[in-house]
Amino acid sequence: MENLMSAINVQVDARDKEQATNILKDLGINMSTFINMAIKQVIKRDGLPFEVTNPKPKKELLEALEEGDKIATGKIDVKGYHNVNQMIEDIINED
């Protein structure tokens, strides 16, 4: 059976390509080898060889960001400190 090769041309961000190329080089493979490996995994798994998700921040992070925004805009009044020693002293003396 004859082994036919086909070229793929892909546009990627130049910085992403450089970073990926450097990582792959450290692993001892080039971009072409990696692409071929990825394609073989797509075929073997009959799908993507990795999980694709839409990352969503956790509820706690959203609440913390909202609280930070309220502090920054003055909607929540908080005590400020000029240095860490003042803060530590205040924490120690807290009843």
PDB file of N, CA and C in Angstrom:
ATOM      1  N   MET A   1       0.837  -1.177   0.000  1.00  0.00           N
ATOM      2  CA  MET A   1       0.000   0.000   0.000  1.00  0.00           C
ATOM      3  C   MET A   1       0.887   1.247   0.000  1.00  0.00           C
ATOM      4  N   GLU A   2       0.586   2.172  -0.853  1.00  0.00           N
ATOM      5  CA  GLU A   2       1.369   3.385  -0.994  1.00  0.00           C
ATOM      6  C   GLU A   2       1.008   4.378   0.114  1.00  0.00           C
ATOM      7  N   ASN A   3       2.021   5.026   0.707  1.00  0.00           N
ATOM      8  CA  ASN A   3       1.819   5.995   1.774  1.00  0.00           C
ATOM      9  C   ASN A   3       1.779   7.392   1.170  1.00  0.00           C
ATOM     10  N   LEU A   4       0.600   7.975   1.019  1.00  0.00           N
ATOM     11  CA  LEU A   4       0.457   9.306   0.448  1.00  0.00           C
ATOM     12  C   LEU A   4       0.524  10.351   1.554  1.00  0.00           C
ATOM     13  N   MET A   5       1.228  11.423   1.303  1.00  0.00           N
ATOM     14  CA  MET A   5       1.343  12.509   2.276  1.00  0.00           C
ATOM     15  C   MET A   5       0.562  13.710   1.763  1.00  0.00           C
ATOM     16  N   SER A   6       0.015  14.478   2.693  1.00  0.00           N
ATOM     17  CA  SER A   6      -0.738  15.666   2.343  1.00  0.00           C
ATOM     18  C   SER A   6      -0.311  16.803   3.264  1.00  0.00           C
ATOM     19  N   ALA A   7      -0.169  17.989   2.726  1.00  0.00           N
ATOM     20  CA  ALA A   7       0.261  19.147   3.508  1.00  0.00           C
ATOM     21  C   ALA A   7      -0.939  19.844   4.137  1.00  0.00           C
ATOM     22  N   ILE A   8      -0.715  20.433   5.315  1.00  0.00           N
ATOM     23  CA  ILE A   8      -1.720  21.235   6.002  1.00  0.00           C
ATOM     24  C   ILE A   8      -1.090  22.594   6.270  1.00  0.00           C
ATOM     25  N   ASN A   9      -1.778  23.663   5.894  1.00  0.00           N
ATOM     26  CA  ASN A   9      -1.315  25.018   6.180  1.00  0.00           C
ATOM     27  C   ASN A   9      -2.246  25.625   7.215  1.00  0.00           C
ATOM     28  N   VAL A  10      -1.682  26.096   8.314  1.00  0.00           N
ATOM     29  CA  VAL A  10      -2.475  26.627   9.416  1.00  0.00           C
ATOM     30  C   VAL A  10      -1.925  27.976   9.836  1.00  0.00           C
ATOM     31  N   GLN A  11      -2.801  28.939  10.049  1.00  0.00           N
ATOM     32  CA  GLN A  11      -2.391  30.247  10.550  1.00  0.00           C
ATOM     33  C   GLN A  11      -2.509  30.242  12.077  1.00  0.00           C
ATOM     34  N   VAL A  12      -1.413  30.576  12.763  1.00  0.00           N
ATOM     35  CA  VAL A  12      -1.418  30.653  14.221  1.00  0.00           C
ATOM     36  C   VAL A  12      -0.713  31.926  14.660  1.00  0.00           C
ATOM     37  N   ASP A  13      -0.997  32.347  15.868  1.00  0.00           N
ATOM     38  CA  ASP A  13      -0.331  33.500  16.446  1.00  0.00           C
ATOM     39  C   ASP A  13       1.172  33.227  16.505  1.00  0.00           C
ATOM     40  N   ALA A  14       1.973  34.188  16.102  1.00  0.00           N
ATOM     41  CA  ALA A  14       3.429  33.994  16.033  1.00  0.00           C
ATOM     42  C   ALA A  14       4.032  33.666  17.395  1.00  0.00           C
ATOM     43  N   ARG A  15       3.565  34.337  18.448  1.00  0.00           N
ATOM     44  CA  ARG A  15       4.094  34.057  19.792  1.00  0.00           C
ATOM     45  C   ARG A  15       3.712  32.655  20.257  1.00  0.00           C
ATOM     46  N   ASP A  16       2.470  32.256  19.969  1.00  0.00           N
ATOM     47  CA  ASP A  16       2.035  30.904  20.341  1.00  0.00           C
ATOM     48  C   ASP A  16       2.886  29.856  19.634  1.00  0.00           C
ATOM     49  N   LYS A  17       3.145  30.093  18.347  1.00  0.00           N
ATOM     50  CA  LYS A  17       3.962  29.149  17.579  1.00  0.00           C
ATOM     51  C   LYS A  17       5.362  29.048  18.170  1.00  0.00           C
ATOM     52  N   GLU A  18       5.946  30.190  18.511  1.00  0.00           N
ATOM     53  CA  GLU A  18       7.296  30.189  19.066  1.00  0.00           C
ATOM     54  C   GLU A  18       7.338  29.447  20.401  1.00  0.00           C
ATOM     55  N   GLN A  19       6.375  29.724  21.266  1.00  0.00           N
ATOM     56  CA  GLN A  19       6.346  29.059  22.569  1.00  0.00           C
ATOM     57  C   GLN A  19       6.159  27.555  22.407  1.00  0.00           C
ATOM     58  N   ALA A  20       5.215  27.159  21.556  1.00  0.00           N
ATOM     59  CA  ALA A  20       4.963  25.737  21.331  1.00  0.00           C
ATOM     60  C   ALA A  20       6.182  25.062  20.720  1.00  0.00           C
ATOM     61  N   THR A  21       6.818  25.718  19.766  1.00  0.00           N
ATOM     62  CA  THR A  21       8.007  25.154  19.127  1.00  0.00           C
ATOM     63  C   THR A  21       9.109  24.912  20.152  1.00  0.00           C
ATOM     64  N   ASN A  22       9.303  25.858  21.056  1.00  0.00           N
ATOM     65  CA  ASN A  22      10.334  25.709  22.084  1.00  0.00           C
ATOM     66  C   ASN A  22      10.021  24.556  23.037  1.00  0.00           C
ATOM     67  N   ILE A  23       8.762  24.430  23.420  1.00  0.00           N
ATOM     68  CA  ILE A  23       8.358  23.334  24.309  1.00  0.00           C
ATOM     69  C   ILE A  23       8.559  21.996  23.608  1.00  0.00           C
ATOM     70  N   LEU A  24       8.106  21.912  22.367  1.00  0.00           N
ATOM     71  CA  LEU A  24       8.253  20.666  21.616  1.00  0.00           C
ATOM     72  C   LEU A  24       9.728  20.321  21.417  1.00  0.00           C
ATOM     73  N   LYS A  25      10.549  21.331  21.171  1.00  0.00           N
ATOM     74  CA  LYS A  25      11.993  21.097  21.010  1.00  0.00           C
ATOM     75  C   LYS A  25      12.583  20.494  22.283  1.00  0.00           C
ATOM     76  N   ASP A  26      12.156  21.035  23.452  1.00  0.00           N
ATOM     77  CA  ASP A  26      12.611  20.485  24.727  1.00  0.00           C
ATOM     78  C   ASP A  26      12.180  19.032  24.900  1.00  0.00           C
ATOM     79  N   LEU A  27      11.050  18.682  24.297  1.00  0.00           N
ATOM     80  CA  LEU A  27      10.546  17.304  24.362  1.00  0.00           C
ATOM     81  C   LEU A  27      11.183  16.398  23.306  1.00  0.00           C
ATOM     82  N   GLY A  28      11.964  17.008  22.418  1.00  0.00           N
ATOM     83  CA  GLY A  28      12.659  16.225  21.401  1.00  0.00           C
ATOM     84  C   GLY A  28      11.861  15.954  20.142  1.00  0.00           C
ATOM     85  N   ILE A  29      10.813  16.747  19.916  1.00  0.00           N
ATOM     86  CA  ILE A  29      10.024  16.572  18.686  1.00  0.00           C
ATOM     87  C   ILE A  29       9.821  17.932  18.021  1.00  0.00           C
ATOM     88  N   ASN A  30       9.495  17.890  16.741  1.00  0.00           N
ATOM     89  CA  ASN A  30       9.218  19.129  16.021  1.00  0.00           C
ATOM     90  C   ASN A  30       7.709  19.290  15.831  1.00  0.00           C
ATOM     91  N   MET A  31       7.319  20.426  15.297  1.00  0.00           N
ATOM     92  CA  MET A  31       5.897  20.737  15.118  1.00  0.00           C
ATOM     93  C   MET A  31       5.207  19.725  14.213  1.00  0.00           C
ATOM     94  N   SER A  32       5.859  19.335  13.146  1.00  0.00           N
ATOM     95  CA  SER A  32       5.271  18.380  12.207  1.00  0.00           C
ATOM     96  C   SER A  32       4.983  17.040  12.890  1.00  0.00           C
ATOM     97  N   THR A  33       5.931  16.569  13.692  1.00  0.00           N
ATOM     98  CA  THR A  33       5.750  15.313  14.421  1.00  0.00           C
ATOM     99  C   THR A  33       4.587  15.439  15.394  1.00  0.00           C
ATOM    100  N   PHE A  34       4.519  16.576  16.103  1.00  0.00           N
ATOM    101  CA  PHE A  34       3.422  16.778  17.046  1.00  0.00           C
ATOM    102  C   PHE A  34       2.072  16.776  16.341  1.00  0.00           C
ATOM    103  N   ILE A  35       1.967  17.481  15.231  1.00  0.00           N
ATOM    104  CA  ILE A  35       0.695  17.535  14.493  1.00  0.00           C
ATOM    105  C   ILE A  35       0.291  16.132  14.050  1.00  0.00           C
ATOM    106  N   ASN A  36       1.245  15.363  13.561  1.00  0.00           N
ATOM    107  CA  ASN A  36       0.945  13.986  13.161  1.00  0.00           C
ATOM    108  C   ASN A  36       0.495  13.147  14.357  1.00  0.00           C
ATOM    109  N   MET A  37       1.133  13.326  15.505  1.00  0.00           N
ATOM    110  CA  MET A  37       0.727  12.607  16.714  1.00  0.00           C
ATOM    111  C   MET A  37      -0.702  12.985  17.110  1.00  0.00           C
ATOM    112  N   ALA A  38      -1.007  14.289  17.063  1.00  0.00           N
ATOM    113  CA  ALA A  38      -2.336  14.762  17.430  1.00  0.00           C
ATOM    114  C   ALA A  38      -3.400  14.182  16.494  1.00  0.00           C
ATOM    115  N   ILE A  39      -3.114  14.173  15.208  1.00  0.00           N
ATOM    116  CA  ILE A  39      -4.059  13.622  14.232  1.00  0.00           C
ATOM    117  C   ILE A  39      -4.287  12.135  14.479  1.00  0.00           C
ATOM    118  N   LYS A  40      -3.221  11.398  14.764  1.00  0.00           N
ATOM    119  CA  LYS A  40      -3.354   9.959  15.054  1.00  0.00           C
ATOM    120  C   LYS A  40      -4.231   9.741  16.288  1.00  0.00           C
ATOM    121  N   GLN A  41      -4.103  10.620  17.308  1.00  0.00           N
ATOM    122  CA  GLN A  41      -4.922  10.490  18.514  1.00  0.00           C
ATOM    123  C   GLN A  41      -6.385  10.815  18.239  1.00  0.00           C
ATOM    124  N   VAL A  42      -6.648  11.788  17.377  1.00  0.00           N
ATOM    125  CA  VAL A  42      -8.028  12.103  16.984  1.00  0.00           C
ATOM    126  C   VAL A  42      -8.659  10.877  16.337  1.00  0.00           C
ATOM    127  N   ILE A  43      -7.899  10.223  15.458  1.00  0.00           N
ATOM    128  CA  ILE A  43      -8.398   9.019  14.773  1.00  0.00           C
ATOM    129  C   ILE A  43      -8.607   7.889  15.774  1.00  0.00           C
ATOM    130  N   LYS A  44      -7.622   7.652  16.634  1.00  0.00           N
ATOM    131  CA  LYS A  44      -7.686   6.552  17.599  1.00  0.00           C
ATOM    132  C   LYS A  44      -8.846   6.726  18.575  1.00  0.00           C
ATOM    133  N   ARG A  45      -9.076   7.935  19.030  1.00  0.00           N
ATOM    134  CA  ARG A  45     -10.120   8.200  20.021  1.00  0.00           C
ATOM    135  C   ARG A  45     -11.467   8.542  19.391  1.00  0.00           C
ATOM    136  N   ASP A  46     -11.476   8.713  18.074  1.00  0.00           N
ATOM    137  CA  ASP A  46     -12.691   9.118  17.362  1.00  0.00           C
ATOM    138  C   ASP A  46     -13.235  10.423  17.946  1.00  0.00           C
ATOM    139  N   GLY A  47     -12.319  11.324  18.228  1.00  0.00           N
ATOM    140  CA  GLY A  47     -12.666  12.617  18.819  1.00  0.00           C
ATOM    141  C   GLY A  47     -11.408  13.322  19.280  1.00  0.00           C
ATOM    142  N   LEU A  48     -11.594  14.393  20.004  1.00  0.00           N
ATOM    143  CA  LEU A  48     -10.447  15.156  20.479  1.00  0.00           C
ATOM    144  C   LEU A  48      -9.716  14.390  21.571  1.00  0.00           C
ATOM    145  N   PRO A  49      -8.372  14.446  21.572  1.00  0.00           N
ATOM    146  CA  PRO A  49      -7.599  13.711  22.572  1.00  0.00           C
ATOM    147  C   PRO A  49      -7.433  14.470  23.886  1.00  0.00           C
ATOM    148  N   PHE A  50      -8.268  15.475  24.102  1.00  0.00           N
ATOM    149  CA  PHE A  50      -8.217  16.254  25.336  1.00  0.00           C
ATOM    150  C   PHE A  50      -9.597  16.842  25.572  1.00  0.00           C
ATOM    151  N   GLU A  51      -9.842  17.237  26.817  1.00  0.00           N
ATOM    152  CA  GLU A  51     -11.139  17.799  27.172  1.00  0.00           C
ATOM    153  C   GLU A  51     -11.211  19.249  26.718  1.00  0.00           C
ATOM    154  N   VAL A  52     -12.317  19.602  26.099  1.00  0.00           N
ATOM    155  CA  VAL A  52     -12.540  20.980  25.685  1.00  0.00           C
ATOM    156  C   VAL A  52     -13.702  21.513  26.518  1.00  0.00           C
ATOM    157  N   THR A  53     -13.410  22.541  27.313  1.00  0.00           N
ATOM    158  CA  THR A  53     -14.439  23.108  28.168  1.00  0.00           C
ATOM    159  C   THR A  53     -14.423  24.620  28.071  1.00  0.00           C
ATOM    160  N   ASN A  54     -15.503  25.199  28.480  1.00  0.00           N
ATOM    161  CA  ASN A  54     -15.595  26.645  28.582  1.00  0.00           C
ATOM    162  C   ASN A  54     -15.342  26.973  30.051  1.00  0.00           C
ATOM    163  N   PRO A  55     -14.120  27.406  30.394  1.00  0.00           N
ATOM    164  CA  PRO A  55     -13.803  27.613  31.802  1.00  0.00           C
ATOM    165  C   PRO A  55     -14.685  28.687  32.426  1.00  0.00           C
ATOM    166  N   LYS A  56     -15.223  28.355  33.580  1.00  0.00           N
ATOM    167  CA  LYS A  56     -16.060  29.294  34.311  1.00  0.00           C
ATOM    168  C   LYS A  56     -15.471  29.464  35.706  1.00  0.00           C
ATOM    169  N   PRO A  57     -15.362  30.705  36.166  1.00  0.00           N
ATOM    170  CA  PRO A  57     -14.827  30.915  37.506  1.00  0.00           C
ATOM    171  C   PRO A  57     -15.771  30.353  38.565  1.00  0.00           C
ATOM    172  N   LYS A  58     -15.183  29.895  39.665  1.00  0.00           N
ATOM    173  CA  LYS A  58     -15.980  29.349  40.757  1.00  0.00           C
ATOM    174  C   LYS A  58     -16.759  30.472  41.442  1.00  0.00           C
ATOM    175  N   LYS A  59     -17.827  30.088  42.103  1.00  0.00           N
ATOM    176  CA  LYS A  59     -18.695  31.035  42.792  1.00  0.00           C
ATOM    177  C   LYS A  59     -17.901  31.880  43.783  1.00  0.00           C
ATOM    178  N   GLU A  60     -16.981  31.251  44.522  1.00  0.00           N
ATOM    179  CA  GLU A  60     -16.190  31.967  45.518  1.00  0.00           C
ATOM    180  C   GLU A  60     -15.346  33.068  44.880  1.00  0.00           C
ATOM    181  N   LEU A  61     -14.772  32.774  43.711  1.00  0.00           N
ATOM    182  CA  LEU A  61     -13.965  33.774  43.020  1.00  0.00           C
ATOM    183  C   LEU A  61     -14.828  34.945  42.569  1.00  0.00           C
ATOM    184  N   LEU A  62     -15.999  34.649  42.010  1.00  0.00           N
ATOM    185  CA  LEU A  62     -16.900  35.714  41.566  1.00  0.00           C
ATOM    186  C   LEU A  62     -17.311  36.600  42.739  1.00  0.00           C
ATOM    187  N   GLU A  63     -17.602  35.965  43.893  1.00  0.00           N
ATOM    188  CA  GLU A  63     -17.977  36.732  45.081  1.00  0.00           C
ATOM    189  C   GLU A  63     -16.817  37.603  45.557  1.00  0.00           C
ATOM    190  N   ALA A  64     -15.601  37.059  45.541  1.00  0.00           N
ATOM    191  CA  ALA A  64     -14.430  37.818  45.974  1.00  0.00           C
ATOM    192  C   ALA A  64     -14.166  38.998  45.033  1.00  0.00           C
ATOM    193  N   LEU A  65     -14.329  38.772  43.742  1.00  0.00           N
ATOM    194  CA  LEU A  65     -14.138  39.857  42.774  1.00  0.00           C
ATOM    195  C   LEU A  65     -15.177  40.955  42.972  1.00  0.00           C
ATOM    196  N   GLU A  66     -16.417  40.553  43.238  1.00  0.00           N
ATOM    197  CA  GLU A  66     -17.480  41.520  43.474  1.00  0.00           C
ATOM    198  C   GLU A  66     -17.191  42.337  44.741  1.00  0.00           C
ATOM    199  N   GLU A  67     -16.741  41.644  45.798  1.00  0.00           N
ATOM    200  CA  GLU A  67     -16.396  42.330  47.034  1.00  0.00           C
ATOM    201  C   GLU A  67     -15.228  43.301  46.809  1.00  0.00           C
ATOM    202  N   GLY A  68     -14.214  42.859  46.066  1.00  0.00           N
ATOM    203  CA  GLY A  68     -13.080  43.722  45.758  1.00  0.00           C
ATOM    204  C   GLY A  68     -13.500  44.958  44.987  1.00  0.00           C
ATOM    205  N   ASP A  69     -14.427  44.779  44.065  1.00  0.00           N
ATOM    206  CA  ASP A  69     -14.937  45.910  43.293  1.00  0.00           C
ATOM    207  C   ASP A  69     -15.674  46.897  44.197  1.00  0.00           C
ATOM    208  N   LYS A  70     -16.462  46.372  45.128  1.00  0.00           N
ATOM    209  CA  LYS A  70     -17.188  47.241  46.063  1.00  0.00           C
ATOM    210  C   LYS A  70     -16.226  47.996  46.969  1.00  0.00           C
ATOM    211  N   ILE A  71     -15.149  47.344  47.384  1.00  0.00           N
ATOM    212  CA  ILE A  71     -14.139  48.017  48.207  1.00  0.00           C
ATOM    213  C   ILE A  71     -13.456  49.112  47.390  1.00  0.00           C
ATOM    214  N   ALA A  72     -13.097  48.787  46.154  1.00  0.00           N
ATOM    215  CA  ALA A  72     -12.391  49.734  45.292  1.00  0.00           C
ATOM    216  C   ALA A  72     -13.238  50.957  44.961  1.00  0.00           C
ATOM    217  N   THR A  73     -14.555  50.768  44.856  1.00  0.00           N
ATOM    218  CA  THR A  73     -15.437  51.884  44.505  1.00  0.00           C
ATOM    219  C   THR A  73     -16.011  52.580  45.732  1.00  0.00           C
ATOM    220  N   GLY A  74     -15.599  52.149  46.942  1.00  0.00           N
ATOM    221  CA  GLY A  74     -16.043  52.803  48.168  1.00  0.00           C
ATOM    222  C   GLY A  74     -17.412  52.383  48.656  1.00  0.00           C
ATOM    223  N   LYS A  75     -17.999  51.365  48.059  1.00  0.00           N
ATOM    224  CA  LYS A  75     -19.318  50.889  48.489  1.00  0.00           C
ATOM    225  C   LYS A  75     -19.216  50.097  49.790  1.00  0.00           C
ATOM    226  N   ILE A  76     -18.042  49.571  50.080  1.00  0.00           N
ATOM    227  CA  ILE A  76     -17.760  48.884  51.337  1.00  0.00           C
ATOM    228  C   ILE A  76     -16.587  49.616  51.969  1.00  0.00           C
ATOM    229  N   ASP A  77     -16.748  50.023  53.242  1.00  0.00           N
ATOM    230  CA  ASP A  77     -15.685  50.729  53.940  1.00  0.00           C
ATOM    231  C   ASP A  77     -14.813  49.710  54.665  1.00  0.00           C
ATOM    232  N   VAL A  78     -13.533  49.751  54.419  1.00  0.00           N
ATOM    233  CA  VAL A  78     -12.590  48.850  55.067  1.00  0.00           C
ATOM    234  C   VAL A  78     -11.459  49.663  55.665  1.00  0.00           C
ATOM    235  N   LYS A  79     -10.864  49.110  56.713  1.00  0.00           N
ATOM    236  CA  LYS A  79      -9.733  49.766  57.350  1.00  0.00           C
ATOM    237  C   LYS A  79      -8.479  49.515  56.520  1.00  0.00           C
ATOM    238  N   GLY A  80      -7.695  50.559  56.335  1.00  0.00           N
ATOM    239  CA  GLY A  80      -6.460  50.423  55.587  1.00  0.00           C
ATOM    240  C   GLY A  80      -5.247  50.501  56.506  1.00  0.00           C
ATOM    241  N   TYR A  81      -4.137  50.034  56.017  1.00  0.00           N
ATOM    242  CA  TYR A  81      -2.894  50.030  56.780  1.00  0.00           C
ATOM    243  C   TYR A  81      -1.777  50.618  55.928  1.00  0.00           C
ATOM    244  N   HIS A  82      -0.814  51.243  56.618  1.00  0.00           N
ATOM    245  CA  HIS A  82       0.333  51.805  55.911  1.00  0.00           C
ATOM    246  C   HIS A  82       1.469  50.802  55.777  1.00  0.00           C
ATOM    247  N   ASN A  83       1.443  49.756  56.637  1.00  0.00           N
ATOM    248  CA  ASN A  83       2.458  48.712  56.531  1.00  0.00           C
ATOM    249  C   ASN A  83       1.937  47.434  57.171  1.00  0.00           C
ATOM    250  N   VAL A  84       2.615  46.357  56.946  1.00  0.00           N
ATOM    251  CA  VAL A  84       2.168  45.051  57.411  1.00  0.00           C
ATOM    252  C   VAL A  84       2.218  44.951  58.936  1.00  0.00           C
ATOM    253  N   ASN A  85       3.145  45.670  59.560  1.00  0.00           N
ATOM    254  CA  ASN A  85       3.236  45.629  61.023  1.00  0.00           C
ATOM    255  C   ASN A  85       1.970  46.178  61.667  1.00  0.00           C
ATOM    256  N   GLN A  86       1.421  47.255  61.125  1.00  0.00           N
ATOM    257  CA  GLN A  86       0.164  47.798  61.633  1.00  0.00           C
ATOM    258  C   GLN A  86      -0.951  46.771  61.519  1.00  0.00           C
ATOM    259  N   MET A  87      -0.985  46.075  60.392  1.00  0.00           N
ATOM    260  CA  MET A  87      -2.031  45.095  60.177  1.00  0.00           C
ATOM    261  C   MET A  87      -1.885  43.932  61.180  1.00  0.00           C
ATOM    262  N   ILE A  88      -0.675  43.447  61.357  1.00  0.00           N
ATOM    263  CA  ILE A  88      -0.440  42.333  62.288  1.00  0.00           C
ATOM    264  C   ILE A  88      -0.814  42.739  63.714  1.00  0.00           C
ATOM    265  N   GLU A  89      -0.422  43.941  64.114  1.00  0.00           N
ATOM    266  CA  GLU A  89      -0.757  44.440  65.452  1.00  0.00           C
ATOM    267  C   GLU A  89      -2.268  44.508  65.635  1.00  0.00           C
ATOM    268  N   ASP A  90      -2.963  44.962  64.624  1.00  0.00           N
ATOM    269  CA  ASP A  90      -4.422  45.053  64.691  1.00  0.00           C
ATOM    270  C   ASP A  90      -5.052  43.661  64.795  1.00  0.00           C
ATOM    271  N   ILE A  91      -4.515  42.704  64.075  1.00  0.00           N
ATOM    272  CA  ILE A  91      -5.037  41.337  64.128  1.00  0.00           C
ATOM    273  C   ILE A  91      -4.795  40.726  65.517  1.00  0.00           C
ATOM    274  N   ILE A  92      -3.607  40.942  66.069  1.00  0.00           N
ATOM    275  CA  ILE A  92      -3.276  40.389  67.391  1.00  0.00           C
ATOM    276  C   ILE A  92      -4.161  40.998  68.477  1.00  0.00           C
ATOM    277  N   ASN A  93      -4.438  42.288  68.370  1.00  0.00           N
ATOM    278  CA  ASN A  93      -5.227  42.979  69.385  1.00  0.00           C
ATOM    279  C   ASN A  93      -6.730  42.848  69.184  1.00  0.00           C
ATOM    280  N   GLU A  94      -7.128  42.177  68.120  1.00  0.00           N
ATOM    281  CA  GLU A  94      -8.545  41.982  67.823  1.00  0.00           C
ATOM    282  C   GLU A  94      -9.181  41.085  68.867  1.00  0.00           C
ATOM    283  N   ASP A  95     -10.333  41.462  69.387  1.00  0.00           N
ATOM    284  CA  ASP A  95     -11.020  40.610  70.387  1.00  0.00           C
ATOM    285  C   ASP A  95     -12.244  39.977  69.805  1.00  0.00           C
TER     286      ASP A  95
END
